[in-house]
Amino acid sequence: MSTSSTTTTRDDVRSRLPDPLQFFPEIATMAGTMSKAVGNGSIPRSTVQLVQYRAGQIVGSSYHTVRQVADLRESGEAEERISAVVSWRDAPYFTDAERVALELVEAVLTHNPSGARVPDELYARVSAHYDDKALWTLVLAISQMFFFIPVALIARPIPGKPFGENYNK
């Protein structure tokens, strides 16, 4: 094991699969296009990052949670907000628009045996904070995670490693 002042990492962590780009180089273009669409400025970058971080938490993906925390920190996000995403409902650090975005990603990713995952009431609250373009951007931000969640859970890229170095098989 190697250690630093703030983290401990295991040097023996291996990805299950090799880097998919060697088989499907067009994935880089697809991912770049999706990132460009999500980064269109209609919703704050911090909202996208918070939503994607919460998605990683919900599905239990170390790769995504580590990656999103790094992105949030790089963007200058306060540690209190990062730490409180898991308990956003009672944390005082989020705007109403961020709260409804976090509620939306939870609704989409959490099974609801008694009804619609995104009921009309939730949709109405989301659309009260986001115009059509911003709402589509939020949907695409969640969809972007849906593209990468199976990659993280099945292939297990190495958390904390930069792209191109996160696969070692």
C-alpha atoms as a PDB file:
ATOM      1  CA  MET A   1       0.000   0.000   0.000  1.00  0.00           C
ATOM      2  CA  SER A   2       1.075   3.521  -0.639  1.00  0.00           C
ATOM      3  CA  THR A   3      -0.088   6.361   1.550  1.00  0.00           C
ATOM      4  CA  SER A   4      -0.299  10.106   1.394  1.00  0.00           C
ATOM      5  CA  SER A   5      -1.360  12.620   3.988  1.00  0.00           C
ATOM      6  CA  THR A   6      -5.047  12.351   3.076  1.00  0.00           C
ATOM      7  CA  THR A   7      -5.616   9.007   1.386  1.00  0.00           C
ATOM      8  CA  THR A   8      -4.566   5.413   1.342  1.00  0.00           C
ATOM      9  CA  THR A   9      -4.546   3.604  -1.986  1.00  0.00           C
ATOM     10  CA  ARG A  10      -3.951   0.012  -2.868  1.00  0.00           C
ATOM     11  CA  ASP A  11      -1.372  -0.576  -5.552  1.00  0.00           C
ATOM     12  CA  ASP A  12      -2.835  -3.987  -6.359  1.00  0.00           C
ATOM     13  CA  VAL A  13      -6.233  -2.701  -7.561  1.00  0.00           C
ATOM     14  CA  ARG A  14      -6.897  -3.930 -11.079  1.00  0.00           C
ATOM     15  CA  SER A  15      -9.632  -3.228 -13.562  1.00  0.00           C
ATOM     16  CA  ARG A  16     -11.685  -6.206 -14.657  1.00  0.00           C
ATOM     17  CA  LEU A  17     -11.568  -5.259 -18.304  1.00  0.00           C
ATOM     18  CA  PRO A  18      -9.066  -3.381 -20.449  1.00  0.00           C
ATOM     19  CA  ASP A  19      -9.674   0.164 -21.625  1.00  0.00           C
ATOM     20  CA  PRO A  20     -12.694   0.038 -23.981  1.00  0.00           C
ATOM     21  CA  LEU A  21     -11.184   2.715 -26.231  1.00  0.00           C
ATOM     22  CA  GLN A  22      -8.832   0.131 -27.723  1.00  0.00           C
ATOM     23  CA  PHE A  23     -11.897  -1.688 -29.058  1.00  0.00           C
ATOM     24  CA  PHE A  24     -14.292   1.225 -29.560  1.00  0.00           C
ATOM     25  CA  PRO A  25     -12.400   4.484 -30.165  1.00  0.00           C
ATOM     26  CA  GLU A  26     -15.676   6.193 -31.114  1.00  0.00           C
ATOM     27  CA  ILE A  27     -16.670   6.116 -27.426  1.00  0.00           C
ATOM     28  CA  ALA A  28     -14.363   9.091 -26.872  1.00  0.00           C
ATOM     29  CA  THR A  29     -16.322  11.105 -29.433  1.00  0.00           C
ATOM     30  CA  MET A  30     -19.646  10.012 -27.933  1.00  0.00           C
ATOM     31  CA  ALA A  31     -18.523  10.901 -24.413  1.00  0.00           C
ATOM     32  CA  GLY A  32     -17.139  14.243 -25.573  1.00  0.00           C
ATOM     33  CA  THR A  33     -20.348  15.099 -27.385  1.00  0.00           C
ATOM     34  CA  MET A  34     -22.431  14.221 -24.330  1.00  0.00           C
ATOM     35  CA  SER A  35     -20.157  16.303 -22.085  1.00  0.00           C
ATOM     36  CA  LYS A  36     -20.446  19.245 -24.447  1.00  0.00           C
ATOM     37  CA  ALA A  37     -24.243  18.969 -24.465  1.00  0.00           C
ATOM     38  CA  VAL A  38     -24.416  18.732 -20.664  1.00  0.00           C
ATOM     39  CA  GLY A  39     -22.004  21.652 -20.305  1.00  0.00           C
ATOM     40  CA  ASN A  40     -24.142  24.006 -22.386  1.00  0.00           C
ATOM     41  CA  GLY A  41     -24.468  26.501 -19.510  1.00  0.00           C
ATOM     42  CA  SER A  42     -28.219  26.236 -19.020  1.00  0.00           C
ATOM     43  CA  ILE A  43     -27.673  24.809 -15.533  1.00  0.00           C
ATOM     44  CA  PRO A  44     -24.688  25.419 -13.277  1.00  0.00           C
ATOM     45  CA  ARG A  45     -21.795  23.019 -13.634  1.00  0.00           C
ATOM     46  CA  SER A  46     -21.971  22.456  -9.886  1.00  0.00           C
ATOM     47  CA  THR A  47     -25.543  21.162 -10.227  1.00  0.00           C
ATOM     48  CA  VAL A  48     -24.448  18.671 -12.892  1.00  0.00           C
ATOM     49  CA  GLN A  49     -21.567  17.528 -10.703  1.00  0.00           C
ATOM     50  CA  LEU A  50     -23.725  17.211  -7.585  1.00  0.00           C
ATOM     51  CA  VAL A  51     -26.346  15.190  -9.466  1.00  0.00           C
ATOM     52  CA  GLN A  52     -23.723  12.916 -10.981  1.00  0.00           C
ATOM     53  CA  TYR A  53     -22.023  12.489  -7.615  1.00  0.00           C
ATOM     54  CA  ARG A  54     -25.349  11.506  -6.051  1.00  0.00           C
ATOM     55  CA  ALA A  55     -25.918   8.997  -8.873  1.00  0.00           C
ATOM     56  CA  GLY A  56     -22.542   7.401  -8.115  1.00  0.00           C
ATOM     57  CA  GLN A  57     -23.437   7.194  -4.436  1.00  0.00           C
ATOM     58  CA  ILE A  58     -26.831   5.602  -5.138  1.00  0.00           C
ATOM     59  CA  VAL A  59     -25.400   2.850  -7.329  1.00  0.00           C
ATOM     60  CA  GLY A  60     -22.459   2.267  -4.990  1.00  0.00           C
ATOM     61  CA  SER A  61     -19.717   3.091  -7.484  1.00  0.00           C
ATOM     62  CA  SER A  62     -16.382   4.005  -5.929  1.00  0.00           C
ATOM     63  CA  TYR A  63     -15.097   4.997  -9.352  1.00  0.00           C
ATOM     64  CA  HIS A  64     -17.871   7.555  -9.871  1.00  0.00           C
ATOM     65  CA  THR A  65     -17.908   8.907  -6.342  1.00  0.00           C
ATOM     66  CA  VAL A  66     -14.140   9.414  -6.287  1.00  0.00           C
ATOM     67  CA  ARG A  67     -14.201  10.989  -9.749  1.00  0.00           C
ATOM     68  CA  GLN A  68     -17.073  13.335  -8.968  1.00  0.00           C
ATOM     69  CA  VAL A  69     -15.572  14.419  -5.660  1.00  0.00           C
ATOM     70  CA  ALA A  70     -12.346  15.278  -7.476  1.00  0.00           C
ATOM     71  CA  ASP A  71     -14.317  17.269 -10.077  1.00  0.00           C
ATOM     72  CA  LEU A  72     -16.283  19.086  -7.362  1.00  0.00           C
ATOM     73  CA  ARG A  73     -13.100  19.980  -5.475  1.00  0.00           C
ATOM     74  CA  GLU A  74     -11.377  21.101  -8.673  1.00  0.00           C
ATOM     75  CA  SER A  75     -14.357  23.385  -9.332  1.00  0.00           C
ATOM     76  CA  GLY A  76     -13.894  24.943  -5.893  1.00  0.00           C
ATOM     77  CA  GLU A  77     -16.933  23.342  -4.274  1.00  0.00           C
ATOM     78  CA  ALA A  78     -17.082  23.661  -0.478  1.00  0.00           C
ATOM     79  CA  GLU A  79     -16.222  20.527   1.480  1.00  0.00           C
ATOM     80  CA  GLU A  80     -19.435  20.895   3.498  1.00  0.00           C
ATOM     81  CA  ARG A  81     -21.520  20.648   0.329  1.00  0.00           C
ATOM     82  CA  ILE A  82     -19.552  17.674  -0.971  1.00  0.00           C
ATOM     83  CA  SER A  83     -19.849  15.848   2.346  1.00  0.00           C
ATOM     84  CA  ALA A  84     -23.549  16.616   2.655  1.00  0.00           C
ATOM     85  CA  VAL A  85     -24.691  15.309  -0.729  1.00  0.00           C
ATOM     86  CA  VAL A  86     -25.541  11.938   0.804  1.00  0.00           C
ATOM     87  CA  SER A  87     -27.804  13.711   3.317  1.00  0.00           C
ATOM     88  CA  TRP A  88     -28.922  16.605   1.112  1.00  0.00           C
ATOM     89  CA  ARG A  89     -32.546  16.527   2.339  1.00  0.00           C
ATOM     90  CA  ASP A  90     -31.677  17.979   5.743  1.00  0.00           C
ATOM     91  CA  ALA A  91     -28.384  19.723   4.904  1.00  0.00           C
ATOM     92  CA  PRO A  92     -28.561  23.532   4.752  1.00  0.00           C
ATOM     93  CA  TYR A  93     -26.048  23.864   1.905  1.00  0.00           C
ATOM     94  CA  PHE A  94     -28.177  23.452  -1.221  1.00  0.00           C
ATOM     95  CA  THR A  95     -30.444  25.720  -3.212  1.00  0.00           C
ATOM     96  CA  ASP A  96     -34.025  24.723  -3.947  1.00  0.00           C
ATOM     97  CA  ALA A  97     -33.050  24.064  -7.580  1.00  0.00           C
ATOM     98  CA  GLU A  98     -30.188  21.794  -6.498  1.00  0.00           C
ATOM     99  CA  ARG A  99     -32.458  19.970  -4.068  1.00  0.00           C
ATOM    100  CA  VAL A 100     -35.063  19.197  -6.691  1.00  0.00           C
ATOM    101  CA  ALA A 101     -32.302  18.053  -9.098  1.00  0.00           C
ATOM    102  CA  LEU A 102     -30.945  15.706  -6.415  1.00  0.00           C
ATOM    103  CA  GLU A 103     -34.466  14.461  -5.746  1.00  0.00           C
ATOM    104  CA  LEU A 104     -34.924  13.817  -9.468  1.00  0.00           C
ATOM    105  CA  VAL A 105     -31.771  11.707  -9.805  1.00  0.00           C
ATOM    106  CA  GLU A 106     -32.789   9.733  -6.727  1.00  0.00           C
ATOM    107  CA  ALA A 107     -36.255   9.148  -8.185  1.00  0.00           C
ATOM    108  CA  VAL A 108     -34.815   7.968 -11.497  1.00  0.00           C
ATOM    109  CA  LEU A 109     -32.322   5.597  -9.863  1.00  0.00           C
ATOM    110  CA  THR A 110     -34.477   4.262  -7.043  1.00  0.00           C
ATOM    111  CA  HIS A 111     -37.145   1.636  -7.600  1.00  0.00           C
ATOM    112  CA  ASN A 112     -40.628   2.747  -6.555  1.00  0.00           C
ATOM    113  CA  PRO A 113     -42.891  -0.286  -6.175  1.00  0.00           C
ATOM    114  CA  SER A 114     -45.929   1.887  -5.491  1.00  0.00           C
ATOM    115  CA  GLY A 115     -45.943   4.131  -8.530  1.00  0.00           C
ATOM    116  CA  ALA A 116     -44.068   6.181 -11.046  1.00  0.00           C
ATOM    117  CA  ARG A 117     -40.427   6.876 -10.356  1.00  0.00           C
ATOM    118  CA  VAL A 118     -40.916  10.470 -11.476  1.00  0.00           C
ATOM    119  CA  PRO A 119     -44.462  11.377 -10.482  1.00  0.00           C
ATOM    120  CA  ASP A 120     -46.194  14.430 -11.941  1.00  0.00           C
ATOM    121  CA  GLU A 121     -45.760  16.313  -8.669  1.00  0.00           C
ATOM    122  CA  LEU A 122     -41.967  15.906  -8.789  1.00  0.00           C
ATOM    123  CA  TYR A 123     -41.867  16.819 -12.475  1.00  0.00           C
ATOM    124  CA  ALA A 124     -43.872  19.981 -11.698  1.00  0.00           C
ATOM    125  CA  ARG A 125     -41.409  20.986  -8.986  1.00  0.00           C
ATOM    126  CA  VAL A 126     -38.432  20.328 -11.262  1.00  0.00           C
ATOM    127  CA  SER A 127     -39.960  22.289 -14.134  1.00  0.00           C
ATOM    128  CA  ALA A 128     -40.656  25.205 -11.763  1.00  0.00           C
ATOM    129  CA  HIS A 129     -36.870  25.600 -11.385  1.00  0.00           C
ATOM    130  CA  TYR A 130     -35.677  24.673 -14.868  1.00  0.00           C
ATOM    131  CA  ASP A 131     -36.847  25.830 -18.303  1.00  0.00           C
ATOM    132  CA  ASP A 132     -37.126  23.284 -21.105  1.00  0.00           C
ATOM    133  CA  LYS A 133     -33.471  23.498 -22.166  1.00  0.00           C
ATOM    134  CA  ALA A 134     -32.223  23.336 -18.584  1.00  0.00           C
ATOM    135  CA  LEU A 135     -34.523  20.418 -17.827  1.00  0.00           C
ATOM    136  CA  TRP A 136     -33.268  18.546 -20.883  1.00  0.00           C
ATOM    137  CA  THR A 137     -29.726  19.324 -19.753  1.00  0.00           C
ATOM    138  CA  LEU A 138     -30.487  17.825 -16.365  1.00  0.00           C
ATOM    139  CA  VAL A 139     -31.993  14.755 -18.051  1.00  0.00           C
ATOM    140  CA  LEU A 140     -28.862  14.419 -20.195  1.00  0.00           C
ATOM    141  CA  ALA A 141     -26.617  14.782 -17.125  1.00  0.00           C
ATOM    142  CA  ILE A 142     -28.447  11.850 -15.543  1.00  0.00           C
ATOM    143  CA  SER A 143     -28.358   9.950 -18.849  1.00  0.00           C
ATOM    144  CA  GLN A 144     -24.619  10.491 -19.087  1.00  0.00           C
ATOM    145  CA  MET A 145     -24.276   8.647 -15.800  1.00  0.00           C
ATOM    146  CA  PHE A 146     -26.483   5.845 -17.119  1.00  0.00           C
ATOM    147  CA  PHE A 147     -23.990   5.396 -19.932  1.00  0.00           C
ATOM    148  CA  PHE A 148     -21.028   5.167 -17.552  1.00  0.00           C
ATOM    149  CA  ILE A 149     -22.576   3.332 -14.567  1.00  0.00           C
ATOM    150  CA  PRO A 150     -22.411  -0.134 -16.202  1.00  0.00           C
ATOM    151  CA  VAL A 151     -18.849   0.606 -17.278  1.00  0.00           C
ATOM    152  CA  ALA A 152     -17.872   1.374 -13.689  1.00  0.00           C
ATOM    153  CA  LEU A 153     -19.762  -1.496 -12.078  1.00  0.00           C
ATOM    154  CA  ILE A 154     -18.772  -4.191 -14.585  1.00  0.00           C
ATOM    155  CA  ALA A 155     -15.354  -3.155 -15.918  1.00  0.00           C
ATOM    156  CA  ARG A 156     -14.245  -1.521 -12.659  1.00  0.00           C
ATOM    157  CA  PRO A 157     -11.903   1.211 -13.851  1.00  0.00           C
ATOM    158  CA  ILE A 158      -9.496   2.195 -11.082  1.00  0.00           C
ATOM    159  CA  PRO A 159     -10.873   4.990  -8.872  1.00  0.00           C
ATOM    160  CA  GLY A 160      -8.792   8.140  -8.723  1.00  0.00           C
ATOM    161  CA  LYS A 161      -6.743   7.377 -11.820  1.00  0.00           C
ATOM    162  CA  PRO A 162      -6.871   9.788 -14.772  1.00  0.00           C
ATOM    163  CA  PHE A 163      -8.492   8.740 -18.036  1.00  0.00           C
ATOM    164  CA  GLY A 164      -6.111   6.578 -20.018  1.00  0.00           C
ATOM    165  CA  GLU A 165      -4.576   5.262 -16.802  1.00  0.00           C
ATOM    166  CA  ASN A 166      -7.727   3.936 -15.111  1.00  0.00           C
ATOM    167  CA  TYR A 167      -7.526   0.505 -16.770  1.00  0.00           C
ATOM    168  CA  ASN A 168      -4.582  -1.799 -16.205  1.00  0.00           C
ATOM    169  CA  LYS A 169      -5.728  -5.120 -17.585  1.00  0.00           C
END
